[in-house]
Amino acid sequence: MDWPRIPWPKSKAFLVSSAALGHAVAALLDVEQEVLAEPLQGLSMTSLRQAFRGSR
């Protein structure tokens, strides 16, 4: 059979960093998780601008 081939990373460090990125993406997509355990690196932690807030 012609199964798709998954390339192996060239180093263990790359595999570990790729796995960490996959966990971060999964955490962002988990709609049942109320709060992330820790902030994700690279995302803004500032308050939301007034233009993006809903009217109350």
N, C-alpha and C. Protein backbone atom coordinates (compact mmCIF):
# COMPACT_ATOMS: atom_id res chain seq x y z
N MET A 1 0.83 -1.19 0.00
CA MET A 1 0.00 0.00 0.00
C MET A 1 0.87 1.25 0.00
N ASP A 2 0.30 2.32 -0.48
CA ASP A 2 1.00 3.60 -0.49
C ASP A 2 0.56 4.43 0.71
N TRP A 3 1.16 4.20 1.85
CA TRP A 3 0.86 4.97 3.04
C TRP A 3 1.64 6.27 2.99
N PRO A 4 1.05 7.36 3.48
CA PRO A 4 1.81 8.61 3.50
C PRO A 4 3.00 8.49 4.46
N ARG A 5 4.09 9.04 4.08
CA ARG A 5 5.28 9.00 4.92
C ARG A 5 5.37 10.26 5.76
N ILE A 6 5.62 10.07 7.02
CA ILE A 6 5.78 11.19 7.94
C ILE A 6 7.27 11.38 8.18
N PRO A 7 7.81 12.54 7.83
CA PRO A 7 9.24 12.75 8.00
C PRO A 7 9.62 12.84 9.48
N TRP A 8 10.72 12.23 9.84
CA TRP A 8 11.23 12.31 11.20
C TRP A 8 12.07 13.57 11.35
N PRO A 9 11.97 14.23 12.49
CA PRO A 9 12.81 15.41 12.72
C PRO A 9 14.28 15.01 12.75
N LYS A 10 15.12 15.96 12.41
CA LYS A 10 16.56 15.67 12.38
C LYS A 10 17.18 15.65 13.77
N SER A 11 16.51 16.27 14.74
CA SER A 11 17.08 16.29 16.09
C SER A 11 15.98 16.10 17.14
N LYS A 12 16.39 15.63 18.29
CA LYS A 12 15.44 15.45 19.40
C LYS A 12 14.91 16.80 19.86
N ALA A 13 15.76 17.83 19.85
CA ALA A 13 15.33 19.17 20.28
C ALA A 13 14.19 19.68 19.40
N PHE A 14 14.29 19.45 18.08
CA PHE A 14 13.24 19.88 17.17
C PHE A 14 11.94 19.12 17.44
N LEU A 15 12.04 17.83 17.72
CA LEU A 15 10.86 17.03 18.03
C LEU A 15 10.18 17.53 19.30
N VAL A 16 10.97 17.83 20.32
CA VAL A 16 10.42 18.32 21.60
C VAL A 16 9.75 19.68 21.41
N SER A 17 10.40 20.59 20.66
CA SER A 17 9.80 21.91 20.45
C SER A 17 8.54 21.81 19.60
N SER A 18 8.52 20.91 18.65
CA SER A 18 7.33 20.70 17.83
C SER A 18 6.18 20.15 18.66
N ALA A 19 6.49 19.25 19.58
CA ALA A 19 5.45 18.70 20.46
C ALA A 19 4.89 19.78 21.38
N ALA A 20 5.76 20.66 21.87
CA ALA A 20 5.30 21.75 22.73
C ALA A 20 4.38 22.69 21.96
N LEU A 21 4.71 22.98 20.72
CA LEU A 21 3.87 23.82 19.89
C LEU A 21 2.51 23.15 19.65
N GLY A 22 2.52 21.85 19.42
CA GLY A 22 1.27 21.12 19.24
C GLY A 22 0.39 21.17 20.47
N HIS A 23 0.99 21.07 21.65
CA HIS A 23 0.22 21.18 22.90
C HIS A 23 -0.37 22.58 23.05
N ALA A 24 0.39 23.61 22.68
CA ALA A 24 -0.10 24.99 22.78
C ALA A 24 -1.29 25.20 21.84
N VAL A 25 -1.21 24.69 20.63
CA VAL A 25 -2.31 24.83 19.68
C VAL A 25 -3.53 24.08 20.18
N ALA A 26 -3.34 22.90 20.71
CA ALA A 26 -4.46 22.13 21.25
C ALA A 26 -5.13 22.87 22.41
N ALA A 27 -4.33 23.52 23.26
CA ALA A 27 -4.89 24.27 24.38
C ALA A 27 -5.71 25.46 23.89
N LEU A 28 -5.25 26.12 22.84
CA LEU A 28 -6.00 27.25 22.29
C LEU A 28 -7.33 26.81 21.68
N LEU A 29 -7.37 25.62 21.12
CA LEU A 29 -8.57 25.13 20.46
C LEU A 29 -9.53 24.40 21.39
N ASP A 30 -9.12 24.17 22.63
CA ASP A 30 -9.96 23.43 23.59
C ASP A 30 -11.03 24.36 24.15
N VAL A 31 -12.26 24.23 23.66
CA VAL A 31 -13.34 25.13 24.08
C VAL A 31 -13.84 24.83 25.49
N GLU A 32 -13.52 23.68 26.05
CA GLU A 32 -13.97 23.33 27.38
C GLU A 32 -13.00 23.79 28.47
N GLN A 33 -11.81 24.20 28.08
CA GLN A 33 -10.82 24.66 29.03
C GLN A 33 -11.10 26.13 29.34
N GLU A 34 -11.32 26.46 30.61
CA GLU A 34 -11.69 27.83 30.97
C GLU A 34 -10.51 28.79 30.87
N VAL A 35 -9.37 28.39 31.41
CA VAL A 35 -8.21 29.26 31.44
C VAL A 35 -6.98 28.43 31.10
N LEU A 36 -6.06 29.02 30.37
CA LEU A 36 -4.81 28.32 30.09
C LEU A 36 -3.99 28.22 31.37
N ALA A 37 -3.29 27.13 31.55
CA ALA A 37 -2.49 26.92 32.76
C ALA A 37 -1.41 27.98 32.88
N GLU A 38 -0.83 28.37 31.76
CA GLU A 38 0.18 29.43 31.74
C GLU A 38 0.05 30.19 30.43
N PRO A 39 0.43 31.47 30.43
CA PRO A 39 0.30 32.23 29.19
C PRO A 39 1.18 31.66 28.08
N LEU A 40 0.70 31.75 26.87
CA LEU A 40 1.47 31.25 25.74
C LEU A 40 2.44 32.32 25.26
N GLN A 41 3.66 31.92 25.04
CA GLN A 41 4.69 32.84 24.59
C GLN A 41 4.32 33.39 23.21
N GLY A 42 4.46 34.69 23.04
CA GLY A 42 4.19 35.31 21.75
C GLY A 42 2.81 35.91 21.62
N LEU A 43 1.93 35.67 22.59
CA LEU A 43 0.61 36.27 22.54
C LEU A 43 0.58 37.51 23.41
N SER A 44 -0.17 38.49 23.00
CA SER A 44 -0.26 39.75 23.75
C SER A 44 -1.06 39.52 25.03
N MET A 45 -0.58 40.08 26.10
CA MET A 45 -1.29 39.96 27.37
C MET A 45 -1.86 41.31 27.80
N THR A 46 -1.94 42.27 26.87
CA THR A 46 -2.46 43.58 27.19
C THR A 46 -3.98 43.55 27.19
N SER A 47 -4.56 44.62 27.72
CA SER A 47 -6.02 44.68 27.74
C SER A 47 -6.56 44.95 26.34
N LEU A 48 -7.80 44.62 26.13
CA LEU A 48 -8.44 44.74 24.84
C LEU A 48 -8.76 46.21 24.56
N ARG A 49 -8.46 46.66 23.34
CA ARG A 49 -8.76 48.04 22.97
C ARG A 49 -10.27 48.28 22.97
N GLN A 50 -10.66 49.51 23.28
CA GLN A 50 -12.07 49.88 23.37
C GLN A 50 -12.84 49.54 22.09
N ALA A 51 -12.21 49.70 20.93
CA ALA A 51 -12.88 49.44 19.66
C ALA A 51 -13.31 47.97 19.53
N PHE A 52 -12.63 47.07 20.24
CA PHE A 52 -12.93 45.65 20.13
C PHE A 52 -13.86 45.16 21.24
N ARG A 53 -14.15 46.02 22.19
CA ARG A 53 -15.04 45.62 23.29
C ARG A 53 -16.49 45.76 22.84
N GLY A 54 -17.32 44.89 23.34
CA GLY A 54 -18.75 44.97 23.02
C GLY A 54 -19.39 46.15 23.75
N SER A 55 -20.46 46.68 23.22
CA SER A 55 -21.14 47.80 23.89
C SER A 55 -21.94 47.24 25.06
N ARG A 56 -21.88 47.95 26.15
CA ARG A 56 -22.61 47.52 27.37
C ARG A 56 -23.55 48.57 27.84
